Amino acid sequence: MAKQSSRFDYYKSRQIPGVTVLQASLSDFSYDRHAHEEYAFGVTLSGRQDFFSGGEFHRSPPGNVIQFNPDQVHDGHPGDDATLGYVMIYVPSAQLEASFADAAGCERAARFHGSETLLADPELRHAILDLAQLLIHWQGTRIDQEHALHRMATRLVQRAGKFQPGGRASRPDALLLRAKEYVLANLEADLSLDEISQAAHLSKFHFLRLFRQQFGITPHQYVLSCRVNAARSALEAGVAPSEVAFRYGFTDLSHFNRRFKRIYGKTPFQYQRSVT
């Protein structure tokens, strides 16, 4: 029997800004290495989910929870002959900070960092799937969805994470953060490696080594990933794909289509049509 083609269905919350769920079925598709600005929490439903992240190769069987912190580089593909089915919820940091702080007993929001990428936790799995169902079927009021999100965040803090309440970053981290901030502020410009390394006050080759060692991705791959993420936001705002391609420096619409699809599974036009 021939395999079904891969399918990617995106659903944006109508109640909570920025929250999106992906319901995916993969048989013949592999994601490029990339990172998201948001937190991502998913559940493998069928098949096996194989991916590389954090310097390790991971295999997620059905029922496992997958957690990615913002800017955590990863790829992904089906791990065996069976079709891979999974859901993934993308949540901006701003929508989770208060819930994370409350769960940890903090008076103010602090940066949450999930310490495990793969988790076998039935309670967390059910919390993610319950929220996903509300989003996929456009069910529940805002308070229903916020309660489901808070329940998920609470379990994450209890089971899978730790708080990093600030403190001073190490010098390499601070320099690389400066470089990343420069990239994000200049996504529409024709960025060069010299400019980015100068923003970090590092020599070009030292910067290259340090960046790849820290993030598992080259500066060029990071810039491309950031541009695709920014392009996604523009598409969600209704900007025409051709204009988005020009704005973020893709050679042409065909180039933009290829790059976008390798991360989101759909062409920019298909993605825009599904979420607007």
Protein backbone atom coordinates (compact mmCIF):
# COMPACT_ATOMS: atom_id res chain seq x y z
CA MET A 1 0.00 0.00 0.00
CA ALA A 2 1.34 3.42 -0.95
CA LYS A 3 2.01 5.88 1.83
CA GLN A 4 -0.20 8.90 2.18
CA SER A 5 1.45 12.23 1.50
CA SER A 6 2.50 14.34 4.46
CA ARG A 7 -0.02 16.78 5.89
CA PHE A 8 0.39 19.88 8.05
CA ASP A 9 -2.62 21.65 9.58
CA TYR A 10 -2.10 24.85 11.59
CA TYR A 11 -4.70 26.38 13.91
CA LYS A 12 -4.30 29.75 15.61
CA SER A 13 -6.09 30.48 18.85
CA ARG A 14 -8.81 33.06 18.47
CA GLN A 15 -8.63 33.80 22.20
CA ILE A 16 -4.93 33.85 23.14
CA PRO A 17 -2.68 35.93 20.86
CA GLY A 18 0.24 34.10 19.30
CA VAL A 19 -0.70 30.57 20.36
CA THR A 20 -0.73 28.09 17.46
CA VAL A 21 -1.10 24.32 17.21
CA LEU A 22 0.24 22.11 14.43
CA GLN A 23 -1.42 18.78 13.71
CA ALA A 24 0.95 16.87 11.42
CA SER A 25 1.14 13.56 9.60
CA LEU A 26 4.56 12.84 8.05
CA SER A 27 5.49 10.04 5.71
CA ASP A 28 7.91 11.55 3.21
CA PHE A 29 9.12 14.79 4.79
CA SER A 30 12.14 15.91 6.81
CA TYR A 31 12.47 19.29 8.53
CA ASP A 32 15.58 21.37 8.00
CA ARG A 33 17.51 22.27 11.13
CA HIS A 34 15.86 25.39 12.56
CA ALA A 35 14.66 27.10 15.74
CA HIS A 36 11.48 28.86 16.84
CA GLU A 37 11.12 32.05 18.85
CA GLU A 38 8.41 30.46 20.96
CA TYR A 39 8.24 27.55 23.34
CA ALA A 40 7.04 24.37 21.61
CA PHE A 41 5.32 21.47 23.38
CA GLY A 42 4.26 18.37 21.47
CA VAL A 43 3.06 14.80 21.76
CA THR A 44 3.97 11.95 19.42
CA LEU A 45 0.72 10.19 18.50
CA SER A 46 1.80 7.46 16.07
CA GLY A 47 4.95 6.19 14.41
CA ARG A 48 8.28 7.37 15.77
CA GLN A 49 9.60 10.94 15.83
CA ASP A 50 13.36 11.17 15.28
CA PHE A 51 15.26 14.44 15.62
CA PHE A 52 18.58 15.99 16.52
CA SER A 53 18.72 18.70 19.18
CA GLY A 54 21.04 19.83 21.95
CA GLY A 55 23.92 17.79 20.60
CA GLU A 56 21.94 14.55 20.86
CA PHE A 57 19.84 12.32 18.62
CA HIS A 58 16.37 11.65 20.06
CA ARG A 59 13.70 9.05 19.31
CA SER A 60 10.16 9.75 20.51
CA PRO A 61 7.67 6.84 20.52
CA PRO A 62 3.89 7.33 20.75
CA GLY A 63 2.83 8.97 24.00
CA ASN A 64 6.07 10.83 24.62
CA VAL A 65 6.16 14.58 25.19
CA ILE A 66 8.64 16.75 23.28
CA GLN A 67 9.67 20.14 24.64
CA PHE A 68 11.70 22.83 22.88
CA ASN A 69 12.80 26.05 24.56
CA PRO A 70 12.87 29.25 22.48
CA ASP A 71 15.79 29.25 20.03
CA GLN A 72 16.47 25.54 20.63
CA VAL A 73 17.77 24.20 17.33
CA HIS A 74 16.24 20.97 16.03
CA ASP A 75 15.24 19.06 12.92
CA GLY A 76 12.87 16.11 12.56
CA HIS A 77 11.60 13.23 10.45
CA PRO A 78 9.68 9.94 10.69
CA GLY A 79 11.82 7.33 12.41
CA ASP A 80 10.51 4.16 10.82
CA ASP A 81 8.29 2.95 7.98
CA ALA A 82 5.11 3.98 9.78
CA THR A 83 3.56 7.39 9.22
CA LEU A 84 4.49 9.82 11.98
CA GLY A 85 1.59 11.61 13.62
CA TYR A 86 2.01 14.34 16.24
CA VAL A 87 0.71 17.62 17.59
CA MET A 88 2.87 20.60 18.56
CA ILE A 89 1.75 23.75 20.38
CA TYR A 90 3.75 26.96 19.90
CA VAL A 91 3.43 29.51 22.71
CA PRO A 92 5.15 32.94 22.95
CA SER A 93 7.13 33.50 26.14
CA ALA A 94 4.88 36.39 27.13
CA GLN A 95 1.87 34.07 27.33
CA LEU A 96 3.62 31.73 29.76
CA GLU A 97 5.70 33.91 32.07
CA ALA A 98 2.95 34.58 34.59
CA SER A 99 1.91 30.92 34.71
CA PHE A 100 5.50 29.77 35.12
CA ALA A 101 6.10 32.26 37.92
CA ASP A 102 2.90 31.28 39.70
CA ALA A 103 3.73 27.58 39.47
CA ALA A 104 7.21 28.20 40.85
CA GLY A 105 5.98 30.45 43.66
CA CYS A 106 7.75 33.54 42.30
CA GLU A 107 6.39 37.04 42.65
CA ARG A 108 7.70 38.09 39.27
CA ALA A 109 8.19 36.34 35.96
CA ALA A 110 11.48 34.59 35.45
CA ARG A 111 12.99 32.79 32.50
CA PHE A 112 11.93 29.16 32.30
CA HIS A 113 14.22 26.58 30.75
CA GLY A 114 13.05 23.03 30.18
CA SER A 115 15.83 20.71 31.25
CA GLU A 116 14.64 17.68 29.27
CA THR A 117 13.73 17.49 25.60
CA LEU A 118 11.90 14.14 25.81
CA LEU A 119 9.49 13.38 28.65
CA ALA A 120 7.37 10.37 29.55
CA ASP A 121 4.71 12.09 31.65
CA PRO A 122 1.02 11.13 31.26
CA GLU A 123 -0.23 14.20 33.15
CA LEU A 124 1.73 16.58 30.95
CA ARG A 125 0.73 14.65 27.82
CA HIS A 126 -2.97 14.98 28.69
CA ALA A 127 -2.58 18.69 29.44
CA ILE A 128 -0.97 19.31 26.04
CA LEU A 129 -3.54 17.21 24.17
CA ASP A 130 -6.45 18.89 25.97
CA LEU A 131 -5.19 22.34 24.97
CA ALA A 132 -4.51 21.13 21.42
CA GLN A 133 -8.08 19.87 21.07
CA LEU A 134 -9.50 23.21 22.20
CA LEU A 135 -7.40 24.98 19.57
CA ILE A 136 -7.95 22.50 16.72
CA HIS A 137 -11.73 22.53 17.14
CA TRP A 138 -11.92 26.24 18.04
CA GLN A 139 -13.66 25.34 21.27
CA GLY A 140 -13.88 27.04 24.64
CA THR A 141 -13.89 30.61 25.81
CA ARG A 142 -10.71 32.55 26.47
CA ILE A 143 -10.78 31.53 30.12
CA ASP A 144 -11.08 27.86 29.10
CA GLN A 145 -8.00 28.09 26.90
CA GLU A 146 -6.08 30.12 29.48
CA HIS A 147 -6.89 27.54 32.15
CA ALA A 148 -5.65 24.73 29.89
CA LEU A 149 -2.47 26.68 29.14
CA HIS A 150 -1.90 27.35 32.86
CA ARG A 151 -2.41 23.67 33.66
CA MET A 152 0.22 22.73 31.08
CA ALA A 153 2.67 25.37 32.36
CA THR A 154 2.20 24.26 35.96
CA ARG A 155 3.01 20.67 35.13
CA LEU A 156 6.06 21.72 33.12
CA VAL A 157 7.48 23.55 36.12
CA GLN A 158 6.66 20.66 38.45
CA ARG A 159 8.10 17.97 36.23
CA ALA A 160 10.37 19.14 33.49
CA GLY A 161 12.03 22.43 34.11
CA LYS A 162 13.84 24.92 36.20
CA PHE A 163 13.85 28.66 36.57
CA GLN A 164 16.78 30.84 35.69
CA PRO A 165 15.94 33.96 37.69
CA GLY A 166 18.40 36.18 35.99
CA GLY A 167 21.85 36.80 37.31
CA ARG A 168 24.69 37.86 35.09
CA ALA A 169 25.28 35.95 31.90
CA SER A 170 28.76 34.64 31.15
CA ARG A 171 30.83 36.81 28.83
CA PRO A 172 30.49 34.47 25.81
CA ASP A 173 26.73 34.23 26.34
CA ALA A 174 26.43 38.00 26.60
CA LEU A 175 28.44 38.53 23.42
CA LEU A 176 26.41 35.99 21.48
CA LEU A 177 23.19 37.51 22.78
CA ARG A 178 24.37 40.85 21.43
CA ALA A 179 24.91 39.24 18.03
CA LYS A 180 21.46 37.65 18.05
CA GLU A 181 19.86 40.95 18.99
CA TYR A 182 21.69 42.62 16.11
CA VAL A 183 20.39 39.98 13.69
CA LEU A 184 16.80 40.36 14.90
CA ALA A 185 16.99 44.14 14.59
CA ASN A 186 18.31 43.96 11.02
CA LEU A 187 16.47 41.08 9.37
CA GLU A 188 15.46 43.22 6.41
CA ALA A 189 19.07 44.28 5.74
CA ASP A 190 21.70 42.48 3.66
CA LEU A 191 23.55 41.11 6.69
CA SER A 192 27.18 40.04 6.52
CA LEU A 193 29.17 37.83 8.86
CA ASP A 194 31.59 40.71 9.45
CA GLU A 195 28.78 42.96 10.67
CA ILE A 196 27.30 40.34 12.99
CA SER A 197 30.67 39.39 14.51
CA GLN A 198 31.50 43.09 14.99
CA ALA A 199 28.23 43.52 16.89
CA ALA A 200 29.46 40.79 19.24
CA HIS A 201 32.93 42.37 19.50
CA LEU A 202 34.54 39.15 18.30
CA SER A 203 36.78 38.24 15.40
CA LYS A 204 34.88 36.61 12.57
CA PHE A 205 36.41 33.17 12.98
CA HIS A 206 36.20 33.16 16.78
CA PHE A 207 32.58 34.21 16.48
CA LEU A 208 31.85 31.41 14.00
CA ARG A 209 33.30 28.76 16.28
CA LEU A 210 31.65 30.11 19.42
CA PHE A 211 28.25 30.54 17.79
CA ARG A 212 28.13 27.04 16.36
CA GLN A 213 29.41 25.52 19.58
CA GLN A 214 26.74 27.32 21.61
CA PHE A 215 23.70 26.93 19.33
CA GLY A 216 24.45 23.94 17.09
CA ILE A 217 23.79 26.02 14.00
CA THR A 218 25.84 28.42 11.86
CA PRO A 219 25.15 32.18 11.89
CA HIS A 220 23.91 31.85 8.31
CA GLN A 221 21.43 29.14 9.31
CA TYR A 222 20.33 31.25 12.27
CA VAL A 223 19.72 34.31 10.09
CA LEU A 224 17.72 32.20 7.65
CA SER A 225 15.67 30.66 10.47
CA CYS A 226 14.93 34.11 11.92
CA ARG A 227 13.88 35.42 8.51
CA VAL A 228 11.51 32.51 8.00
CA ASN A 229 10.02 33.08 11.48
CA ALA A 230 9.59 36.80 10.74
CA ALA A 231 8.07 35.92 7.39
CA ARG A 232 5.55 33.68 9.14
CA SER A 233 4.43 36.59 11.34
CA ALA A 234 4.05 38.81 8.27
CA LEU A 235 1.99 36.16 6.50
CA GLU A 236 -0.26 35.87 9.55
CA ALA A 237 -0.75 39.64 9.37
CA GLY A 238 -1.98 39.28 5.78
CA VAL A 239 1.07 40.51 3.86
CA ALA A 240 1.29 39.00 0.36
CA PRO A 241 3.89 36.20 0.03
CA SER A 242 5.67 38.01 -2.81
CA GLU A 243 6.07 41.12 -0.66
CA VAL A 244 7.27 39.05 2.30
CA ALA A 245 9.87 37.34 0.11
CA PHE A 246 11.24 40.70 -1.02
CA ARG A 247 11.14 42.21 2.48
CA TYR A 248 13.25 39.46 4.05
CA GLY A 249 15.83 39.06 1.32
CA PHE A 250 14.81 35.84 -0.39
CA THR A 251 16.06 35.64 -3.96
CA ASP A 252 12.57 35.21 -5.37
CA LEU A 253 9.22 33.66 -4.47
CA SER A 254 10.43 30.19 -5.46
CA HIS A 255 13.39 30.49 -3.05
CA PHE A 256 11.06 31.70 -0.29
CA ASN A 257 8.65 28.81 -0.97
CA ARG A 258 11.41 26.22 -0.66
CA ARG A 259 12.90 27.63 2.53
CA PHE A 260 9.56 28.16 4.24
CA LYS A 261 8.27 24.69 3.38
CA ARG A 262 11.37 23.00 4.81
CA ILE A 263 10.48 24.42 8.24
CA TYR A 264 6.67 24.63 8.20
CA GLY A 265 5.72 21.87 5.76
CA LYS A 266 3.58 24.24 3.66
CA THR A 267 4.30 26.93 1.11
CA PRO A 268 3.84 30.51 2.37
CA PHE A 269 0.56 30.81 0.46
CA GLN A 270 -0.76 27.53 1.88
CA TYR A 271 0.26 28.53 5.40
CA GLN A 272 -1.32 31.98 5.10
CA ARG A 273 -4.56 30.52 3.80
CA SER A 274 -4.72 28.07 6.72
CA VAL A 275 -4.32 30.63 9.53
CA THR A 276 -6.06 33.77 8.22
